[in-house]
PDB file of N, CA and C in Angstrom:
ATOM      1  N   MET A   1      -6.953 -30.483  -6.428  1.00  0.00           N
ATOM      2  CA  MET A   1      -7.423 -31.467  -5.463  1.00  0.00           C
ATOM      3  C   MET A   1      -8.235 -32.538  -6.196  1.00  0.00           C
ATOM      4  N   ALA A   2      -7.937 -33.787  -5.949  1.00  0.00           N
ATOM      5  CA  ALA A   2      -8.645 -34.896  -6.580  1.00  0.00           C
ATOM      6  C   ALA A   2      -9.985 -35.140  -5.891  1.00  0.00           C
ATOM      7  N   ASN A   3     -10.922 -35.625  -6.654  1.00  0.00           N
ATOM      8  CA  ASN A   3     -12.236 -35.986  -6.129  1.00  0.00           C
ATOM      9  C   ASN A   3     -12.437 -37.488  -6.187  1.00  0.00           C
ATOM     10  N   ASN A   4     -13.329 -37.964  -5.322  1.00  0.00           N
ATOM     11  CA  ASN A   4     -13.659 -39.380  -5.315  1.00  0.00           C
ATOM     12  C   ASN A   4     -14.802 -39.657  -6.294  1.00  0.00           C
ATOM     13  N   VAL A   5     -15.267 -40.899  -6.328  1.00  0.00           N
ATOM     14  CA  VAL A   5     -16.302 -41.309  -7.285  1.00  0.00           C
ATOM     15  C   VAL A   5     -17.633 -40.608  -7.063  1.00  0.00           C
ATOM     16  N   PHE A   6     -17.809 -39.946  -5.936  1.00  0.00           N
ATOM     17  CA  PHE A   6     -19.025 -39.188  -5.659  1.00  0.00           C
ATOM     18  C   PHE A   6     -18.864 -37.705  -6.008  1.00  0.00           C
ATOM     19  N   GLY A   7     -17.660 -37.313  -6.455  1.00  0.00           N
ATOM     20  CA  GLY A   7     -17.405 -35.925  -6.803  1.00  0.00           C
ATOM     21  C   GLY A   7     -17.044 -35.040  -5.626  1.00  0.00           C
ATOM     22  N   THR A   8     -16.793 -35.644  -4.477  1.00  0.00           N
ATOM     23  CA  THR A   8     -16.375 -34.902  -3.293  1.00  0.00           C
ATOM     24  C   THR A   8     -14.880 -35.124  -3.078  1.00  0.00           C
ATOM     25  N   PRO A   9     -14.228 -34.320  -2.224  1.00  0.00           N
ATOM     26  CA  PRO A   9     -12.783 -34.463  -2.044  1.00  0.00           C
ATOM     27  C   PRO A   9     -12.364 -35.893  -1.662  1.00  0.00           C
ATOM     28  N   LEU A  10     -11.325 -36.349  -2.323  1.00  0.00           N
ATOM     29  CA  LEU A  10     -10.773 -37.683  -2.105  1.00  0.00           C
ATOM     30  C   LEU A  10     -10.222 -37.806  -0.688  1.00  0.00           C
ATOM     31  N   LYS A  11     -10.589 -38.880   0.000  1.00  0.00           N
ATOM     32  CA  LYS A  11     -10.055 -39.150   1.337  1.00  0.00           C
ATOM     33  C   LYS A  11      -8.873 -40.101   1.218  1.00  0.00           C
ATOM     34  N   PRO A  12      -7.932 -40.046   2.160  1.00  0.00           N
ATOM     35  CA  PRO A  12      -6.789 -40.957   2.119  1.00  0.00           C
ATOM     36  C   PRO A  12      -7.227 -42.420   2.175  1.00  0.00           C
ATOM     37  N   CYS A  13      -6.424 -43.260   1.563  1.00  0.00           N
ATOM     38  CA  CYS A  13      -6.681 -44.700   1.546  1.00  0.00           C
ATOM     39  C   CYS A  13      -5.906 -45.403   2.665  1.00  0.00           C
ATOM     40  N   SER A  14      -4.593 -45.156   2.751  1.00  0.00           N
ATOM     41  CA  SER A  14      -3.791 -45.804   3.785  1.00  0.00           C
ATOM     42  C   SER A  14      -2.444 -45.112   3.943  1.00  0.00           C
ATOM     43  N   PHE A  15      -2.057 -44.942   5.207  1.00  0.00           N
ATOM     44  CA  PHE A  15      -0.719 -44.461   5.526  1.00  0.00           C
ATOM     45  C   PHE A  15       0.150 -45.591   6.071  1.00  0.00           C
ATOM     46  N   ASN A  16      -0.487 -46.708   6.429  1.00  0.00           N
ATOM     47  CA  ASN A  16       0.239 -47.867   6.956  1.00  0.00           C
ATOM     48  C   ASN A  16      -0.473 -49.143   6.524  1.00  0.00           C
ATOM     49  N   PRO A  17      -0.040 -49.767   5.404  1.00  0.00           N
ATOM     50  CA  PRO A  17       1.130 -49.393   4.618  1.00  0.00           C
ATOM     51  C   PRO A  17       0.865 -48.140   3.789  1.00  0.00           C
ATOM     52  N   LEU A  18       1.936 -47.413   3.517  1.00  0.00           N
ATOM     53  CA  LEU A  18       1.841 -46.186   2.732  1.00  0.00           C
ATOM     54  C   LEU A  18       1.568 -46.546   1.278  1.00  0.00           C
ATOM     55  N   THR A  19       0.440 -46.092   0.761  1.00  0.00           N
ATOM     56  CA  THR A  19       0.004 -46.483  -0.569  1.00  0.00           C
ATOM     57  C   THR A  19      -0.086 -45.295  -1.509  1.00  0.00           C
ATOM     58  N   GLY A  20      -0.515 -45.564  -2.713  1.00  0.00           N
ATOM     59  CA  GLY A  20      -0.692 -44.557  -3.741  1.00  0.00           C
ATOM     60  C   GLY A  20       0.487 -44.525  -4.688  1.00  0.00           C
ATOM     61  N   PHE A  21       0.221 -44.182  -5.928  1.00  0.00           N
ATOM     62  CA  PHE A  21       1.291 -44.083  -6.915  1.00  0.00           C
ATOM     63  C   PHE A  21       2.380 -43.138  -6.424  1.00  0.00           C
ATOM     64  N   TYR A  22       1.969 -42.076  -5.745  1.00  0.00           N
ATOM     65  CA  TYR A  22       2.920 -41.085  -5.235  1.00  0.00           C
ATOM     66  C   TYR A  22       3.367 -41.384  -3.800  1.00  0.00           C
ATOM     67  N   ARG A  23       2.918 -42.508  -3.259  1.00  0.00           N
ATOM     68  CA  ARG A  23       3.227 -42.918  -1.885  1.00  0.00           C
ATOM     69  C   ARG A  23       2.941 -41.780  -0.907  1.00  0.00           C
ATOM     70  N   ASP A  24       1.725 -41.243  -1.039  1.00  0.00           N
ATOM     71  CA  ASP A  24       1.282 -40.193  -0.133  1.00  0.00           C
ATOM     72  C   ASP A  24      -0.009 -40.575   0.590  1.00  0.00           C
ATOM     73  N   GLY A  25      -0.404 -41.845   0.452  1.00  0.00           N
ATOM     74  CA  GLY A  25      -1.591 -42.339   1.130  1.00  0.00           C
ATOM     75  C   GLY A  25      -2.877 -42.186   0.348  1.00  0.00           C
ATOM     76  N   ASN A  26      -2.802 -41.544  -0.823  1.00  0.00           N
ATOM     77  CA  ASN A  26      -3.997 -41.262  -1.613  1.00  0.00           C
ATOM     78  C   ASN A  26      -3.979 -41.993  -2.952  1.00  0.00           C
ATOM     79  N   CYS A  27      -5.166 -42.331  -3.447  1.00  0.00           N
ATOM     80  CA  CYS A  27      -5.297 -43.056  -4.721  1.00  0.00           C
ATOM     81  C   CYS A  27      -5.573 -42.096  -5.868  1.00  0.00           C
ATOM     82  N   HIS A  28      -4.787 -41.030  -5.960  1.00  0.00           N
ATOM     83  CA  HIS A  28      -4.941 -40.123  -7.095  1.00  0.00           C
ATOM     84  C   HIS A  28      -3.877 -40.459  -8.127  1.00  0.00           C
ATOM     85  N   SER A  29      -4.077 -39.965  -9.324  1.00  0.00           N
ATOM     86  CA  SER A  29      -3.265 -40.386 -10.448  1.00  0.00           C
ATOM     87  C   SER A  29      -2.907 -39.186 -11.311  1.00  0.00           C
ATOM     88  N   GLY A  30      -1.744 -39.249 -11.942  1.00  0.00           N
ATOM     89  CA  GLY A  30      -1.321 -38.216 -12.879  1.00  0.00           C
ATOM     90  C   GLY A  30      -0.864 -38.852 -14.174  1.00  0.00           C
ATOM     91  N   ASN A  31      -0.365 -38.037 -15.077  1.00  0.00           N
ATOM     92  CA  ASN A  31       0.045 -38.524 -16.393  1.00  0.00           C
ATOM     93  C   ASN A  31       1.129 -39.596 -16.337  1.00  0.00           C
ATOM     94  N   GLU A  32       2.003 -39.518 -15.342  1.00  0.00           N
ATOM     95  CA  GLU A  32       3.095 -40.491 -15.247  1.00  0.00           C
ATOM     96  C   GLU A  32       2.648 -41.842 -14.680  1.00  0.00           C
ATOM     97  N   ASP A  33       1.426 -41.920 -14.169  1.00  0.00           N
ATOM     98  CA  ASP A  33       0.881 -43.169 -13.613  1.00  0.00           C
ATOM     99  C   ASP A  33       0.184 -43.946 -14.720  1.00  0.00           C
ATOM    100  N   GLN A  34       0.945 -44.762 -15.413  1.00  0.00           N
ATOM    101  CA  GLN A  34       0.405 -45.538 -16.530  1.00  0.00           C
ATOM    102  C   GLN A  34      -0.610 -46.580 -16.085  1.00  0.00           C
ATOM    103  N   GLY A  35      -0.557 -46.996 -14.819  1.00  0.00           N
ATOM    104  CA  GLY A  35      -1.472 -48.015 -14.311  1.00  0.00           C
ATOM    105  C   GLY A  35      -2.766 -47.465 -13.740  1.00  0.00           C
ATOM    106  N   THR A  36      -2.860 -46.153 -13.603  1.00  0.00           N
ATOM    107  CA  THR A  36      -4.040 -45.503 -13.032  1.00  0.00           C
ATOM    108  C   THR A  36      -4.408 -46.151 -11.698  1.00  0.00           C
ATOM    109  N   HIS A  37      -3.550 -45.975 -10.696  1.00  0.00           N
ATOM    110  CA  HIS A  37      -3.712 -46.538  -9.347  1.00  0.00           C
ATOM    111  C   HIS A  37      -4.751 -45.723  -8.568  1.00  0.00           C
ATOM    112  N   THR A  38      -6.017 -45.941  -8.869  1.00  0.00           N
ATOM    113  CA  THR A  38      -7.079 -45.070  -8.375  1.00  0.00           C
ATOM    114  C   THR A  38      -8.136 -45.754  -7.517  1.00  0.00           C
ATOM    115  N   VAL A  39      -8.068 -47.074  -7.365  1.00  0.00           N
ATOM    116  CA  VAL A  39      -9.085 -47.801  -6.604  1.00  0.00           C
ATOM    117  C   VAL A  39      -8.538 -48.144  -5.225  1.00  0.00           C
ATOM    118  N   CYS A  40      -9.155 -47.599  -4.191  1.00  0.00           N
ATOM    119  CA  CYS A  40      -8.758 -47.932  -2.823  1.00  0.00           C
ATOM    120  C   CYS A  40      -9.475 -49.221  -2.436  1.00  0.00           C
ATOM    121  N   ALA A  41      -8.697 -50.282  -2.309  1.00  0.00           N
ATOM    122  CA  ALA A  41      -9.274 -51.602  -2.044  1.00  0.00           C
ATOM    123  C   ALA A  41      -8.718 -52.192  -0.758  1.00  0.00           C
ATOM    124  N   ILE A  42      -9.512 -53.059  -0.171  1.00  0.00           N
ATOM    125  CA  ILE A  42      -9.099 -53.794   1.024  1.00  0.00           C
ATOM    126  C   ILE A  42      -8.690 -55.186   0.562  1.00  0.00           C
ATOM    127  N   MET A  43      -7.441 -55.502   0.761  1.00  0.00           N
ATOM    128  CA  MET A  43      -6.897 -56.754   0.256  1.00  0.00           C
ATOM    129  C   MET A  43      -7.581 -57.969   0.874  1.00  0.00           C
ATOM    130  N   THR A  44      -7.774 -58.969   0.032  1.00  0.00           N
ATOM    131  CA  THR A  44      -8.286 -60.269   0.463  1.00  0.00           C
ATOM    132  C   THR A  44      -7.295 -61.330   0.016  1.00  0.00           C
ATOM    133  N   GLU A  45      -7.341 -62.465   0.658  1.00  0.00           N
ATOM    134  CA  GLU A  45      -6.472 -63.583   0.277  1.00  0.00           C
ATOM    135  C   GLU A  45      -6.715 -63.967  -1.181  1.00  0.00           C
ATOM    136  N   ASP A  46      -7.981 -64.038  -1.589  1.00  0.00           N
ATOM    137  CA  ASP A  46      -8.308 -64.415  -2.970  1.00  0.00           C
ATOM    138  C   ASP A  46      -7.739 -63.422  -3.976  1.00  0.00           C
ATOM    139  N   PHE A  47      -7.872 -62.128  -3.699  1.00  0.00           N
ATOM    140  CA  PHE A  47      -7.338 -61.148  -4.640  1.00  0.00           C
ATOM    141  C   PHE A  47      -5.821 -61.197  -4.681  1.00  0.00           C
ATOM    142  N   LEU A  48      -5.171 -61.304  -3.532  1.00  0.00           N
ATOM    143  CA  LEU A  48      -3.707 -61.344  -3.514  1.00  0.00           C
ATOM    144  C   LEU A  48      -3.187 -62.544  -4.300  1.00  0.00           C
ATOM    145  N   ARG A  49      -3.840 -63.685  -4.169  1.00  0.00           N
ATOM    146  CA  ARG A  49      -3.459 -64.872  -4.943  1.00  0.00           C
ATOM    147  C   ARG A  49      -3.680 -64.632  -6.440  1.00  0.00           C
ATOM    148  N   PHE A  50      -4.829 -64.046  -6.767  1.00  0.00           N
ATOM    149  CA  PHE A  50      -5.168 -63.725  -8.153  1.00  0.00           C
ATOM    150  C   PHE A  50      -4.096 -62.818  -8.764  1.00  0.00           C
ATOM    151  N   SER A  51      -3.731 -61.761  -8.070  1.00  0.00           N
ATOM    152  CA  SER A  51      -2.726 -60.828  -8.556  1.00  0.00           C
ATOM    153  C   SER A  51      -1.370 -61.520  -8.715  1.00  0.00           C
ATOM    154  N   PHE A  52      -0.997 -62.324  -7.736  1.00  0.00           N
ATOM    155  CA  PHE A  52       0.262 -63.069  -7.787  1.00  0.00           C
ATOM    156  C   PHE A  52       0.297 -63.972  -9.015  1.00  0.00           C
ATOM    157  N   ASP A  53      -0.798 -64.670  -9.268  1.00  0.00           N
ATOM    158  CA  ASP A  53      -0.876 -65.588 -10.408  1.00  0.00           C
ATOM    159  C   ASP A  53      -0.777 -64.871 -11.741  1.00  0.00           C
ATOM    160  N   ARG A  54      -1.032 -63.581 -11.751  1.00  0.00           N
ATOM    161  CA  ARG A  54      -0.927 -62.783 -12.969  1.00  0.00           C
ATOM    162  C   ARG A  54       0.375 -62.001 -13.043  1.00  0.00           C
ATOM    163  N   GLY A  55       1.310 -62.338 -12.167  1.00  0.00           N
ATOM    164  CA  GLY A  55       2.639 -61.739 -12.232  1.00  0.00           C
ATOM    165  C   GLY A  55       2.830 -60.466 -11.435  1.00  0.00           C
ATOM    166  N   ASN A  56       1.837 -60.088 -10.633  1.00  0.00           N
ATOM    167  CA  ASN A  56       1.970 -58.898  -9.796  1.00  0.00           C
ATOM    168  C   ASN A  56       1.964 -59.332  -8.333  1.00  0.00           C
ATOM    169  N   ASP A  57       3.136 -59.598  -7.816  1.00  0.00           N
ATOM    170  CA  ASP A  57       3.294 -60.084  -6.445  1.00  0.00           C
ATOM    171  C   ASP A  57       3.170 -58.923  -5.468  1.00  0.00           C
ATOM    172  N   LEU A  58       2.028 -58.837  -4.814  1.00  0.00           N
ATOM    173  CA  LEU A  58       1.804 -57.809  -3.793  1.00  0.00           C
ATOM    174  C   LEU A  58       2.066 -58.338  -2.387  1.00  0.00           C
ATOM    175  N   ILE A  59       2.490 -59.577  -2.292  1.00  0.00           N
ATOM    176  CA  ILE A  59       2.668 -60.241  -0.997  1.00  0.00           C
ATOM    177  C   ILE A  59       4.101 -60.104  -0.468  1.00  0.00           C
ATOM    178  N   THR A  60       5.069 -60.280  -1.338  1.00  0.00           N
ATOM    179  CA  THR A  60       6.475 -60.310  -0.941  1.00  0.00           C
ATOM    180  C   THR A  60       7.021 -58.906  -0.728  1.00  0.00           C
ATOM    181  N   PRO A  61       7.619 -58.638   0.445  1.00  0.00           N
ATOM    182  CA  PRO A  61       8.237 -57.323   0.679  1.00  0.00           C
ATOM    183  C   PRO A  61       9.382 -57.056  -0.303  1.00  0.00           C
ATOM    184  N   ILE A  62       9.533 -55.809  -0.695  1.00  0.00           N
ATOM    185  CA  ILE A  62      10.651 -55.372  -1.528  1.00  0.00           C
ATOM    186  C   ILE A  62      11.271 -54.172  -0.819  1.00  0.00           C
ATOM    187  N   ARG A  63      12.280 -54.446  -0.031  1.00  0.00           N
ATOM    188  CA  ARG A  63      12.864 -53.426   0.853  1.00  0.00           C
ATOM    189  C   ARG A  63      13.401 -52.202   0.098  1.00  0.00           C
ATOM    190  N   GLN A  64      14.056 -52.425  -1.050  1.00  0.00           N
ATOM    191  CA  GLN A  64      14.650 -51.286  -1.758  1.00  0.00           C
ATOM    192  C   GLN A  64      13.602 -50.294  -2.255  1.00  0.00           C
ATOM    193  N   TYR A  65      12.350 -50.724  -2.366  1.00  0.00           N
ATOM    194  CA  TYR A  65      11.264 -49.820  -2.744  1.00  0.00           C
ATOM    195  C   TYR A  65      10.374 -49.471  -1.555  1.00  0.00           C
ATOM    196  N   GLN A  66      10.831 -49.838  -0.373  1.00  0.00           N
ATOM    197  CA  GLN A  66      10.086 -49.592   0.863  1.00  0.00           C
ATOM    198  C   GLN A  66       8.660 -50.140   0.768  1.00  0.00           C
ATOM    199  N   PHE A  67       8.554 -51.316   0.127  1.00  0.00           N
ATOM    200  CA  PHE A  67       7.265 -51.993  -0.009  1.00  0.00           C
ATOM    201  C   PHE A  67       7.216 -53.125   1.011  1.00  0.00           C
ATOM    202  N   PRO A  68       6.293 -53.057   1.976  1.00  0.00           N
ATOM    203  CA  PRO A  68       6.278 -54.029   3.067  1.00  0.00           C
ATOM    204  C   PRO A  68       5.673 -55.377   2.711  1.00  0.00           C
ATOM    205  N   GLY A  69       5.044 -55.491   1.543  1.00  0.00           N
ATOM    206  CA  GLY A  69       4.253 -56.676   1.233  1.00  0.00           C
ATOM    207  C   GLY A  69       2.894 -56.527   1.885  1.00  0.00           C
ATOM    208  N   LEU A  70       1.869 -57.028   1.228  1.00  0.00           N
ATOM    209  CA  LEU A  70       0.505 -56.850   1.712  1.00  0.00           C
ATOM    210  C   LEU A  70      -0.099 -58.153   2.190  1.00  0.00           C
ATOM    211  N   GLY A  71      -1.049 -58.020   3.078  1.00  0.00           N
ATOM    212  CA  GLY A  71      -1.812 -59.159   3.573  1.00  0.00           C
ATOM    213  C   GLY A  71      -3.285 -58.806   3.596  1.00  0.00           C
ATOM    214  N   PRO A  72      -4.123 -59.794   3.839  1.00  0.00           N
ATOM    215  CA  PRO A  72      -5.560 -59.527   3.932  1.00  0.00           C
ATOM    216  C   PRO A  72      -5.848 -58.425   4.955  1.00  0.00           C
ATOM    217  N   GLY A  73      -6.726 -57.523   4.583  1.00  0.00           N
ATOM    218  CA  GLY A  73      -7.098 -56.420   5.462  1.00  0.00           C
ATOM    219  C   GLY A  73      -6.346 -55.127   5.180  1.00  0.00           C
ATOM    220  N   ASP A  74      -5.194 -55.209   4.510  1.00  0.00           N
ATOM    221  CA  ASP A  74      -4.457 -53.995   4.174  1.00  0.00           C
ATOM    222  C   ASP A  74      -5.226 -53.204   3.127  1.00  0.00           C
ATOM    223  N   HIS A  75      -5.139 -51.890   3.213  1.00  0.00           N
ATOM    224  CA  HIS A  75      -5.742 -51.000   2.217  1.00  0.00           C
ATOM    225  C   HIS A  75      -4.656 -50.645   1.216  1.00  0.00           C
ATOM    226  N   TRP A  76      -5.008 -50.652  -0.085  1.00  0.00           N
ATOM    227  CA  TRP A  76      -4.001 -50.407  -1.118  1.00  0.00           C
ATOM    228  C   TRP A  76      -4.656 -49.792  -2.347  1.00  0.00           C
ATOM    229  N   CYS A  77      -3.947 -48.898  -2.999  1.00  0.00           N
ATOM    230  CA  CYS A  77      -4.425 -48.291  -4.239  1.00  0.00           C
ATOM    231  C   CYS A  77      -4.105 -49.221  -5.410  1.00  0.00           C
ATOM    232  N   LEU A  78      -5.146 -49.764  -5.988  1.00  0.00           N
ATOM    233  CA  LEU A  78      -4.992 -50.696  -7.108  1.00  0.00           C
ATOM    234  C   LEU A  78      -5.166 -49.996  -8.443  1.00  0.00           C
ATOM    235  N   CYS A  79      -4.547 -50.575  -9.462  1.00  0.00           N
ATOM    236  CA  CYS A  79      -4.790 -50.147 -10.830  1.00  0.00           C
ATOM    237  C   CYS A  79      -6.250 -50.442 -11.168  1.00  0.00           C
ATOM    238  N   ALA A  80      -6.894 -49.481 -11.792  1.00  0.00           N
ATOM    239  CA  ALA A  80      -8.310 -49.635 -12.118  1.00  0.00           C
ATOM    240  C   ALA A  80      -8.554 -50.868 -12.987  1.00  0.00           C
ATOM    241  N   LEU A  81      -7.707 -51.097 -13.978  1.00  0.00           N
ATOM    242  CA  LEU A  81      -7.931 -52.251 -14.857  1.00  0.00           C
ATOM    243  C   LEU A  81      -7.675 -53.580 -14.160  1.00  0.00           C
ATOM    244  N   ARG A  82      -6.758 -53.607 -13.184  1.00  0.00           N
ATOM    245  CA  ARG A  82      -6.533 -54.850 -12.420  1.00  0.00           C
ATOM    246  C   ARG A  82      -7.767 -55.160 -11.581  1.00  0.00           C
ATOM    247  N   TRP A  83      -8.342 -54.125 -10.951  1.00  0.00           N
ATOM    248  CA  TRP A  83      -9.553 -54.350 -10.166  1.00  0.00           C
ATOM    249  C   TRP A  83     -10.681 -54.856 -11.064  1.00  0.00           C
ATOM    250  N   LYS A  84     -10.809 -54.259 -12.252  1.00  0.00           N
ATOM    251  CA  LYS A  84     -11.852 -54.694 -13.187  1.00  0.00           C
ATOM    252  C   LYS A  84     -11.613 -56.136 -13.640  1.00  0.00           C
ATOM    253  N   GLU A  85     -10.374 -56.487 -13.871  1.00  0.00           N
ATOM    254  CA  GLU A  85     -10.026 -57.862 -14.230  1.00  0.00           C
ATOM    255  C   GLU A  85     -10.411 -58.821 -13.100  1.00  0.00           C
ATOM    256  N   ALA A  86     -10.137 -58.419 -11.870  1.00  0.00           N
ATOM    257  CA  ALA A  86     -10.508 -59.243 -10.717  1.00  0.00           C
ATOM    258  C   ALA A  86     -12.019 -59.353 -10.597  1.00  0.00           C
ATOM    259  N   LEU A  87     -12.727 -58.280 -10.902  1.00  0.00           N
ATOM    260  CA  LEU A  87     -14.188 -58.311 -10.896  1.00  0.00           C
ATOM    261  C   LEU A  87     -14.698 -59.363 -11.873  1.00  0.00           C
ATOM    262  N   GLN A  88     -14.162 -59.361 -13.067  1.00  0.00           N
ATOM    263  CA  GLN A  88     -14.580 -60.322 -14.090  1.00  0.00           C
ATOM    264  C   GLN A  88     -14.239 -61.756 -13.702  1.00  0.00           C
ATOM    265  N   ALA A  89     -13.198 -61.925 -12.874  1.00  0.00           N
ATOM    266  CA  ALA A  89     -12.796 -63.255 -12.411  1.00  0.00           C
ATOM    267  C   ALA A  89     -13.509 -63.661 -11.120  1.00  0.00           C
ATOM    268  N   GLY A  90     -14.323 -62.752 -10.571  1.00  0.00           N
ATOM    269  CA  GLY A  90     -15.068 -63.065  -9.352  1.00  0.00           C
ATOM    270  C   GLY A  90     -14.294 -62.918  -8.061  1.00  0.00           C
ATOM    271  N   VAL A  91     -13.174 -62.181  -8.086  1.00  0.00           N
ATOM    272  CA  VAL A  91     -12.353 -62.026  -6.873  1.00  0.00           C
ATOM    273  C   VAL A  91     -12.047 -60.562  -6.559  1.00  0.00           C
ATOM    274  N   ALA A  92     -12.903 -59.652  -7.013  1.00  0.00           N
ATOM    275  CA  ALA A  92     -12.664 -58.235  -6.752  1.00  0.00           C
ATOM    276  C   ALA A  92     -12.704 -57.961  -5.255  1.00  0.00           C
ATOM    277  N   PRO A  93     -11.692 -57.274  -4.736  1.00  0.00           N
ATOM    278  CA  PRO A  93     -11.700 -56.941  -3.308  1.00  0.00           C
ATOM    279  C   PRO A  93     -12.656 -55.787  -3.027  1.00  0.00           C
ATOM    280  N   PRO A  94     -13.106 -55.670  -1.787  1.00  0.00           N
ATOM    281  CA  PRO A  94     -13.966 -54.543  -1.422  1.00  0.00           C
ATOM    282  C   PRO A  94     -13.249 -53.214  -1.624  1.00  0.00           C
ATOM    283  N   VAL A  95     -14.028 -52.187  -1.919  1.00  0.00           N
ATOM    284  CA  VAL A  95     -13.453 -50.868  -2.152  1.00  0.00           C
ATOM    285  C   VAL A  95     -13.974 -49.858  -1.140  1.00  0.00           C
ATOM    286  N   ILE A  96     -13.166 -48.836  -0.906  1.00  0.00           N
ATOM    287  CA  ILE A  96     -13.564 -47.713  -0.076  1.00  0.00           C
ATOM    288  C   ILE A  96     -13.868 -46.577  -1.050  1.00  0.00           C
ATOM    289  N   LEU A  97     -15.132 -46.331  -1.267  1.00  0.00           N
ATOM    290  CA  LEU A  97     -15.575 -45.406  -2.310  1.00  0.00           C
ATOM    291  C   LEU A  97     -15.089 -43.980  -2.088  1.00  0.00           C
ATOM    292  N   GLU A  98     -15.092 -43.511  -0.866  1.00  0.00           N
ATOM    293  CA  GLU A  98     -14.677 -42.145  -0.568  1.00  0.00           C
ATOM    294  C   GLU A  98     -13.187 -41.926  -0.840  1.00  0.00           C
ATOM    295  N   SER A  99     -12.433 -43.028  -0.957  1.00  0.00           N
ATOM    296  CA  SER A  99     -10.992 -42.966  -1.191  1.00  0.00           C
ATOM    297  C   SER A  99     -10.607 -43.441  -2.583  1.00  0.00           C
ATOM    298  N   THR A 100     -11.602 -43.698  -3.428  1.00  0.00           N
ATOM    299  CA  THR A 100     -11.368 -44.127  -4.808  1.00  0.00           C
ATOM    300  C   THR A 100     -11.546 -42.923  -5.732  1.00  0.00           C
ATOM    301  N   ASP A 101     -10.498 -42.620  -6.474  1.00  0.00           N
ATOM    302  CA  ASP A 101     -10.483 -41.448  -7.349  1.00  0.00           C
ATOM    303  C   ASP A 101     -11.522 -41.584  -8.460  1.00  0.00           C
ATOM    304  N   GLU A 102     -12.161 -40.466  -8.790  1.00  0.00           N
ATOM    305  CA  GLU A 102     -13.166 -40.469  -9.853  1.00  0.00           C
ATOM    306  C   GLU A 102     -12.580 -40.899 -11.196  1.00  0.00           C
ATOM    307  N   LYS A 103     -11.260 -40.832 -11.375  1.00  0.00           N
ATOM    308  CA  LYS A 103     -10.637 -41.288 -12.626  1.00  0.00           C
ATOM    309  C   LYS A 103     -10.852 -42.786 -12.843  1.00  0.00           C
ATOM    310  N   ALA A 104     -11.124 -43.528 -11.779  1.00  0.00           N
ATOM    311  CA  ALA A 104     -11.404 -44.961 -11.928  1.00  0.00           C
ATOM    312  C   ALA A 104     -12.651 -45.192 -12.772  1.00  0.00           C
ATOM    313  N   LEU A 105     -13.540 -44.205 -12.788  1.00  0.00           N
ATOM    314  CA  LEU A 105     -14.791 -44.345 -13.537  1.00  0.00           C
ATOM    315  C   LEU A 105     -14.574 -44.340 -15.048  1.00  0.00           C
ATOM    316  N   ARG A 106     -13.380 -44.027 -15.491  1.00  0.00           N
ATOM    317  CA  ARG A 106     -13.042 -44.138 -16.917  1.00  0.00           C
ATOM    318  C   ARG A 106     -12.998 -45.603 -17.348  1.00  0.00           C
ATOM    319  N   PHE A 107     -12.782 -46.500 -16.364  1.00  0.00           N
ATOM    320  CA  PHE A 107     -12.591 -47.909 -16.651  1.00  0.00           C
ATOM    321  C   PHE A 107     -13.634 -48.817 -16.006  1.00  0.00           C
ATOM    322  N   ILE A 108     -14.226 -48.345 -14.919  1.00  0.00           N
ATOM    323  CA  ILE A 108     -15.112 -49.176 -14.095  1.00  0.00           C
ATOM    324  C   ILE A 108     -16.443 -48.471 -13.906  1.00  0.00           C
ATOM    325  N   ASP A 109     -17.534 -49.214 -14.032  1.00  0.00           N
ATOM    326  CA  ASP A 109     -18.861 -48.637 -13.779  1.00  0.00           C
ATOM    327  C   ASP A 109     -19.037 -48.359 -12.294  1.00  0.00           C
ATOM    328  N   LEU A 110     -19.633 -47.226 -11.981  1.00  0.00           N
ATOM    329  CA  LEU A 110     -19.885 -46.880 -10.582  1.00  0.00           C
ATOM    330  C   LEU A 110     -20.724 -47.959  -9.899  1.00  0.00           C
ATOM    331  N   ASP A 111     -21.689 -48.520 -10.588  1.00  0.00           N
ATOM    332  CA  ASP A 111     -22.528 -49.575  -9.999  1.00  0.00           C
ATOM    333  C   ASP A 111     -21.687 -50.756  -9.531  1.00  0.00           C
ATOM    334  N   ASP A 112     -20.675 -51.129 -10.309  1.00  0.00           N
ATOM    335  CA  ASP A 112     -19.798 -52.245  -9.906  1.00  0.00           C
ATOM    336  C   ASP A 112     -19.027 -51.896  -8.644  1.00  0.00           C
ATOM    337  N   LEU A 113     -18.533 -50.665  -8.576  1.00  0.00           N
ATOM    338  CA  LEU A 113     -17.818 -50.245  -7.371  1.00  0.00           C
ATOM    339  C   LEU A 113     -18.748 -50.228  -6.156  1.00  0.00           C
ATOM    340  N   VAL A 114     -19.936 -49.697  -6.342  1.00  0.00           N
ATOM    341  CA  VAL A 114     -20.899 -49.619  -5.245  1.00  0.00           C
ATOM    342  C   VAL A 114     -21.265 -51.024  -4.746  1.00  0.00           C
ATOM    343  N   GLN A 115     -21.416 -51.961  -5.661  1.00  0.00           N
ATOM    344  CA  GLN A 115     -21.739 -53.336  -5.259  1.00  0.00           C
ATOM    345  C   GLN A 115     -20.620 -53.969  -4.461  1.00  0.00           C
ATOM    346  N   HIS A 116     -19.411 -53.472  -4.591  1.00  0.00           N
ATOM    347  CA  HIS A 116     -18.255 -54.022  -3.865  1.00  0.00           C
ATOM    348  C   HIS A 116     -17.758 -53.069  -2.776  1.00  0.00           C
ATOM    349  N   ALA A 117     -18.589 -52.123  -2.418  1.00  0.00           N
ATOM    350  CA  ALA A 117     -18.201 -51.161  -1.382  1.00  0.00           C
ATOM    351  C   ALA A 117     -18.035 -51.830  -0.041  1.00  0.00           C
ATOM    352  N   PHE A 118     -16.998 -51.440   0.677  1.00  0.00           N
ATOM    353  CA  PHE A 118     -16.798 -51.912   2.035  1.00  0.00           C
ATOM    354  C   PHE A 118     -17.895 -51.334   2.915  1.00  0.00           C
ATOM    355  N   LYS A 119     -18.485 -52.212   3.711  1.00  0.00           N
ATOM    356  CA  LYS A 119     -19.585 -51.767   4.590  1.00  0.00           C
ATOM    357  C   LYS A 119     -19.178 -51.859   6.031  1.00  0.00           C
TER     358      LYS A 119
END
């Protein structure tokens, strides 16, 4: 069982849209997840534009992968390093700490996550 950044059991991030590397609603990660999709974030227009500009289009639906495309307000499991990159650019989306896997702490300081916690 995966734990969140507080060391307690990880809570689901989103079932609609269905997120997570394993598409099970959770932001947990395994060896095959090279991107470490561990940060449960709430999408914002600024972040979606930022990601698009860096070649990761999270907006456009991709039917063959059952990806609906994301909009502001959607919850999504982000790669830890992408979230950190967005933080450095000033466009980090809010995070749901109880749904963010403790593995994200390998790349991101807990203080940074807490400062961007959804309230």
